[in-house]
Amino acid sequence: MTIAFTKLHGLGNDYLFIEGTHYGERDWPELSRRMSHRHLGAGADGIILVLPGETGEFRMRIFNADGSEAETCGNGIRCFAKYVFERGMTDKTEFVIETLGGPNRVTLEVAGGKVASVRSNMGAPRFDRTEIPMEGPPGRVIEEPLTLEDGATVEITCANIGNPHAVIFVEDATRVDLAAIGPKIERHPRFPRRTNVEFVNVIDRGNIVMRIWERGSGITMASGSGSCGAALAAMITERADRRVRVHLVHGALTIAWADDGHVYQEGPAAEVYSGEWPE
């Protein structure tokens, strides 16, 4: 048997999409590890399963490159919306995608039958330490010192927007040695479920630069939920307004913390190629 897949990316954050109902029960974590390998596989930040919803039309499961399952994925959501619309699986330009992190309503901008951009409702953010989750006393985690295994200390601001984020403000996010420091924070014992790690520098109140060490995948070119986490951290520390552009390696996302209390992210999605994986 072969497994049909399609590679899509959101600003360089790439996933292999598989229509999971065609293949029954299998070891998806192991398949993600094999297919995601940059040299021995198709190469991706993980695989995403396209599944029927439990209460609506669609459900999404995300497996990182290391096989761990993620609650949600902002770039993956946009790619998912593009995938199902352009394959005629729905003719709606607004619908809900179910994730482990909760339902996510997407709105598509379509031109010539193709999805040009997607706006998704990432839900209401959570800031209490117990909801990140992170060990320690209850309350928000705002620029709190965190001592790493090598004795270095960083100041973190945390948010959960379907999955956990620890944000560090720096002078220049593009010069951070992500591979050296990222895993020390991701796997810090104070984060029982590990965490995504974002490094951010502020350009002005409407623009920030972000680089990410992603939980389960390592260095990635972009992250939708990570951009939300970074923007929220800048907002609650009064560095940014409630609508910001988050500048990544291959472009920017617009993040808004709206008056309804929900966070919205908007940006592009692109299809790369389709193939078959031999089993």
Protein backbone atom coordinates (compact mmCIF):
# COMPACT_ATOMS: atom_id res chain seq x y z
CA MET A 1 0.00 0.00 0.00
CA THR A 2 1.06 3.57 -0.65
CA ILE A 3 -0.14 6.65 1.24
CA ALA A 4 -1.13 9.67 -0.83
CA PHE A 5 -0.05 13.00 0.61
CA THR A 6 0.14 16.65 -0.32
CA LYS A 7 2.72 19.07 1.01
CA LEU A 8 1.52 22.58 1.89
CA HIS A 9 3.16 25.39 3.80
CA GLY A 10 2.24 28.58 5.58
CA LEU A 11 5.16 31.00 5.21
CA GLY A 12 7.60 28.07 5.19
CA ASN A 13 6.01 26.08 8.05
CA ASP A 14 5.38 22.89 6.04
CA TYR A 15 3.16 19.86 6.62
CA LEU A 16 2.24 16.69 4.78
CA PHE A 17 -1.55 16.36 4.50
CA ILE A 18 -3.12 12.91 4.48
CA GLU A 19 -6.80 12.02 4.22
CA GLY A 20 -6.76 9.75 7.22
CA THR A 21 -10.04 7.92 6.63
CA HIS A 22 -8.51 6.13 3.64
CA TYR A 23 -5.92 4.32 5.74
CA GLY A 24 -7.61 3.12 8.93
CA GLU A 25 -5.84 2.80 12.24
CA ARG A 26 -2.06 2.97 12.06
CA ASP A 27 0.96 4.26 13.91
CA TRP A 28 0.66 7.91 12.93
CA PRO A 29 3.43 9.13 15.27
CA GLU A 30 5.95 6.74 13.69
CA LEU A 31 4.75 7.65 10.20
CA SER A 32 5.24 11.33 10.99
CA ARG A 33 8.78 10.70 12.22
CA ARG A 34 9.64 8.84 9.02
CA MET A 35 7.89 11.09 6.50
CA SER A 36 9.00 14.35 8.14
CA HIS A 37 12.72 13.53 8.11
CA ARG A 38 14.46 16.20 6.04
CA HIS A 39 16.92 13.79 4.43
CA LEU A 40 15.37 10.33 4.61
CA GLY A 41 11.72 11.27 4.13
CA ALA A 42 9.56 13.76 2.26
CA GLY A 43 10.70 16.50 4.65
CA ALA A 44 8.28 18.51 6.77
CA ASP A 45 7.55 19.93 10.19
CA GLY A 46 5.01 17.13 10.64
CA ILE A 47 1.92 15.47 9.18
CA ILE A 48 -1.68 16.64 9.37
CA LEU A 49 -4.62 14.28 9.05
CA VAL A 50 -7.76 15.45 7.26
CA LEU A 51 -10.68 13.79 9.04
CA PRO A 52 -14.45 14.16 9.29
CA GLY A 53 -15.59 16.24 12.25
CA GLU A 54 -17.29 14.83 15.29
CA THR A 55 -19.89 17.62 15.36
CA GLY A 56 -19.15 19.44 12.08
CA GLU A 57 -17.56 18.83 8.70
CA PHE A 58 -13.85 18.63 9.49
CA ARG A 59 -11.39 17.56 12.15
CA MET A 60 -7.62 17.96 12.11
CA ARG A 61 -4.94 15.96 13.89
CA ILE A 62 -1.37 17.27 13.95
CA PHE A 63 1.72 15.14 14.54
CA ASN A 64 5.03 16.93 14.90
CA ALA A 65 8.25 15.77 13.28
CA ASP A 66 9.19 13.91 16.47
CA GLY A 67 5.86 12.06 16.49
CA SER A 68 4.27 14.01 19.35
CA GLU A 69 0.70 15.16 18.81
CA ALA A 70 -0.02 18.89 19.00
CA GLU A 71 -3.24 20.51 20.15
CA THR A 72 -3.46 23.01 17.30
CA CYS A 73 -1.42 24.65 14.54
CA GLY A 74 -2.12 28.11 13.14
CA ASN A 75 -0.29 27.64 9.84
CA GLY A 76 -1.68 24.12 9.55
CA ILE A 77 -5.22 25.46 9.99
CA ARG A 78 -4.80 27.81 7.03
CA CYS A 79 -3.30 25.06 4.89
CA PHE A 80 -6.08 22.67 5.93
CA ALA A 81 -8.72 25.21 4.82
CA LYS A 82 -7.02 25.61 1.45
CA TYR A 83 -6.71 21.85 1.00
CA VAL A 84 -10.37 20.99 1.59
CA PHE A 85 -11.77 23.96 -0.36
CA GLU A 86 -9.63 23.51 -3.45
CA ARG A 87 -10.44 19.78 -3.57
CA GLY A 88 -14.16 20.40 -3.48
CA MET A 89 -14.60 18.86 -0.05
CA THR A 90 -16.59 22.00 0.82
CA ASP A 91 -17.90 24.97 -1.13
CA LYS A 92 -18.17 27.14 1.96
CA THR A 93 -15.82 30.06 2.51
CA GLU A 94 -16.48 29.99 6.25
CA PHE A 95 -16.49 26.81 8.31
CA VAL A 96 -15.17 25.21 11.51
CA ILE A 97 -12.18 22.88 11.86
CA GLU A 98 -12.09 20.82 15.04
CA THR A 99 -8.72 20.41 16.81
CA LEU A 100 -7.56 19.06 20.14
CA GLY A 101 -7.20 22.70 21.18
CA GLY A 102 -10.86 23.39 20.37
CA PRO A 103 -12.93 24.47 17.34
CA ASN A 104 -11.36 26.93 14.93
CA ARG A 105 -13.56 28.95 12.58
CA VAL A 106 -11.86 29.93 9.32
CA THR A 107 -12.82 32.54 6.73
CA LEU A 108 -11.35 32.16 3.25
CA GLU A 109 -10.47 34.84 0.73
CA VAL A 110 -10.88 33.18 -2.66
CA ALA A 111 -9.74 34.47 -6.06
CA GLY A 112 -10.22 32.50 -9.26
CA GLY A 113 -11.22 29.38 -7.36
CA LYS A 114 -8.02 29.41 -5.32
CA VAL A 115 -7.61 30.31 -1.66
CA ALA A 116 -5.49 33.45 -1.47
CA SER A 117 -5.51 33.89 2.31
CA VAL A 118 -7.23 32.53 5.40
CA ARG A 119 -8.37 34.23 8.59
CA SER A 120 -8.81 31.91 11.54
CA ASN A 121 -10.31 32.38 14.99
CA MET A 122 -7.79 30.91 17.42
CA GLY A 123 -10.14 31.38 20.38
CA ALA A 124 -9.70 33.19 23.68
CA PRO A 125 -6.15 33.23 25.09
CA ARG A 126 -5.32 31.92 28.54
CA PHE A 127 -2.59 33.41 30.70
CA ASP A 128 -2.85 31.79 34.13
CA ARG A 129 0.15 29.62 34.95
CA THR A 130 -2.04 26.56 35.55
CA GLU A 131 -3.49 26.91 32.03
CA ILE A 132 -0.14 27.18 30.22
CA PRO A 133 0.60 24.76 31.99
CA MET A 134 3.65 25.72 34.05
CA GLU A 135 4.62 24.79 37.56
CA GLY A 136 4.52 27.52 40.20
CA PRO A 137 2.03 29.78 41.97
CA PRO A 138 -1.18 30.78 40.14
CA GLY A 139 -1.30 34.01 38.18
CA ARG A 140 0.14 35.35 34.96
CA VAL A 141 3.72 34.63 33.93
CA ILE A 142 5.07 38.02 32.83
CA GLU A 143 8.80 38.52 32.29
CA GLU A 144 9.53 35.94 34.95
CA PRO A 145 13.13 34.73 35.39
CA LEU A 146 13.67 31.11 34.35
CA THR A 147 17.00 29.46 35.18
CA LEU A 148 18.19 26.96 32.59
CA GLU A 149 20.21 23.79 33.09
CA ASP A 150 23.47 25.61 32.21
CA GLY A 151 22.83 28.31 34.82
CA ALA A 152 21.78 30.98 32.32
CA THR A 153 18.61 32.94 33.07
CA VAL A 154 15.97 34.17 30.63
CA GLU A 155 12.82 36.20 31.28
CA ILE A 156 9.68 34.55 29.92
CA THR A 157 6.13 35.73 29.29
CA CYS A 158 3.65 32.90 28.73
CA ALA A 159 0.36 32.41 26.91
CA ASN A 160 -1.78 29.48 25.82
CA ILE A 161 -3.68 29.87 22.56
CA GLY A 162 -4.63 26.22 22.13
CA ASN A 163 -1.05 25.22 22.89
CA PRO A 164 1.64 26.63 25.23
CA HIS A 165 4.07 29.45 24.42
CA ALA A 166 7.00 30.96 26.30
CA VAL A 167 8.14 34.29 24.86
CA ILE A 168 11.50 35.97 25.41
CA PHE A 169 12.09 39.58 24.32
CA VAL A 170 15.52 40.20 22.82
CA GLU A 171 17.35 42.93 20.93
CA ASP A 172 17.44 40.98 17.65
CA ALA A 173 15.39 37.79 17.27
CA THR A 174 17.16 36.92 14.01
CA ARG A 175 20.50 36.49 15.80
CA VAL A 176 19.37 34.10 18.55
CA ASP A 177 21.03 30.66 18.56
CA LEU A 178 17.71 28.79 18.51
CA ALA A 179 19.26 25.33 18.49
CA ALA A 180 21.32 26.07 21.60
CA ILE A 181 18.71 27.66 23.83
CA GLY A 182 15.35 26.52 22.41
CA PRO A 183 15.38 22.91 23.65
CA LYS A 184 16.47 23.98 27.15
CA ILE A 185 13.28 26.00 27.49
CA GLU A 186 11.00 23.59 25.58
CA ARG A 187 11.91 20.73 27.92
CA HIS A 188 12.40 22.72 31.11
CA PRO A 189 10.96 20.73 34.05
CA ARG A 190 8.62 23.59 34.93
CA PHE A 191 6.68 22.89 31.69
CA PRO A 192 5.04 19.48 32.23
CA ARG A 193 3.77 19.33 28.62
CA ARG A 194 6.82 21.11 27.18
CA THR A 195 6.36 24.46 25.44
CA ASN A 196 6.88 26.32 22.21
CA VAL A 197 9.58 29.00 22.54
CA GLU A 198 9.46 32.36 20.76
CA PHE A 199 12.14 35.04 20.62
CA VAL A 200 10.80 38.50 19.80
CA ASN A 201 12.09 41.97 19.12
CA VAL A 202 9.72 44.90 18.77
CA ILE A 203 9.99 47.22 15.77
CA ASP A 204 7.10 49.47 16.82
CA ARG A 205 3.66 49.05 18.36
CA GLY A 206 2.30 47.52 15.17
CA ASN A 207 5.21 45.32 14.12
CA ILE A 208 7.34 42.66 15.79
CA VAL A 209 9.95 40.17 14.58
CA MET A 210 9.68 36.57 15.79
CA ARG A 211 11.77 33.42 15.52
CA ILE A 212 10.65 30.12 16.99
CA TRP A 213 11.84 26.85 18.45
CA GLU A 214 8.72 24.74 18.02
CA ARG A 215 7.77 22.04 20.49
CA GLY A 216 8.29 18.69 18.81
CA SER A 217 9.72 20.08 15.56
CA GLY A 218 12.66 22.32 16.50
CA ILE A 219 13.50 25.33 14.33
CA THR A 220 10.66 26.15 11.93
CA MET A 221 10.32 29.01 9.48
CA ALA A 222 7.00 30.19 10.90
CA SER A 223 4.22 29.37 13.34
CA GLY A 224 0.67 30.67 13.36
CA SER A 225 -0.01 29.87 17.00
CA GLY A 226 3.54 30.99 17.85
CA SER A 227 2.86 34.31 16.15
CA CYS A 228 -0.29 34.62 18.26
CA GLY A 229 1.66 33.79 21.42
CA ALA A 230 4.38 36.29 20.54
CA ALA A 231 1.87 39.02 19.75
CA LEU A 232 -0.09 38.38 22.95
CA ALA A 233 3.09 38.58 25.03
CA ALA A 234 3.94 41.91 23.40
CA MET A 235 0.42 43.14 24.11
CA ILE A 236 0.20 42.17 27.79
CA THR A 237 3.63 43.68 28.46
CA GLU A 238 2.40 46.90 26.77
CA ARG A 239 4.94 46.73 23.98
CA ALA A 240 2.36 46.49 21.17
CA ASP A 241 -1.19 47.39 20.22
CA ARG A 242 -3.91 44.75 19.90
CA ARG A 243 -3.32 44.38 16.15
CA VAL A 244 0.21 43.63 15.00
CA ARG A 245 2.17 42.28 12.05
CA VAL A 246 4.47 39.43 13.05
CA HIS A 247 7.48 39.26 10.73
CA LEU A 248 8.85 35.77 10.08
CA VAL A 249 11.53 34.33 7.81
CA HIS A 250 9.39 34.22 4.65
CA GLY A 251 6.74 36.86 5.27
CA ALA A 252 4.35 38.18 7.90
CA LEU A 253 1.09 37.27 9.62
CA THR A 254 -1.48 39.71 10.96
CA ILE A 255 -2.56 38.97 14.54
CA ALA A 256 -5.48 40.75 16.20
CA TRP A 257 -6.81 40.39 19.75
CA ALA A 258 -10.33 41.54 19.03
CA ASP A 259 -12.98 43.14 21.23
CA ASP A 260 -14.80 39.78 21.46
CA GLY A 261 -11.79 38.49 23.42
CA HIS A 262 -10.71 36.10 20.67
CA VAL A 263 -7.42 36.09 18.77
CA TYR A 264 -7.48 36.09 14.97
CA GLN A 265 -4.58 35.29 12.66
CA GLU A 266 -4.57 35.98 8.94
CA GLY A 267 -2.11 35.00 6.23
CA PRO A 268 -1.40 32.88 3.15
CA ALA A 269 -1.14 29.16 2.49
CA ALA A 270 0.57 27.49 -0.46
CA GLU A 271 0.56 24.04 -2.01
CA VAL A 272 3.94 22.57 -2.95
CA TYR A 273 3.42 19.10 -4.45
CA SER A 274 1.61 15.78 -4.09
CA GLY A 275 3.16 12.34 -3.87
CA GLU A 276 2.84 8.79 -2.61
CA TRP A 277 4.65 7.29 0.37
CA PRO A 278 5.47 3.58 0.08
CA GLU A 279 4.49 1.45 3.07
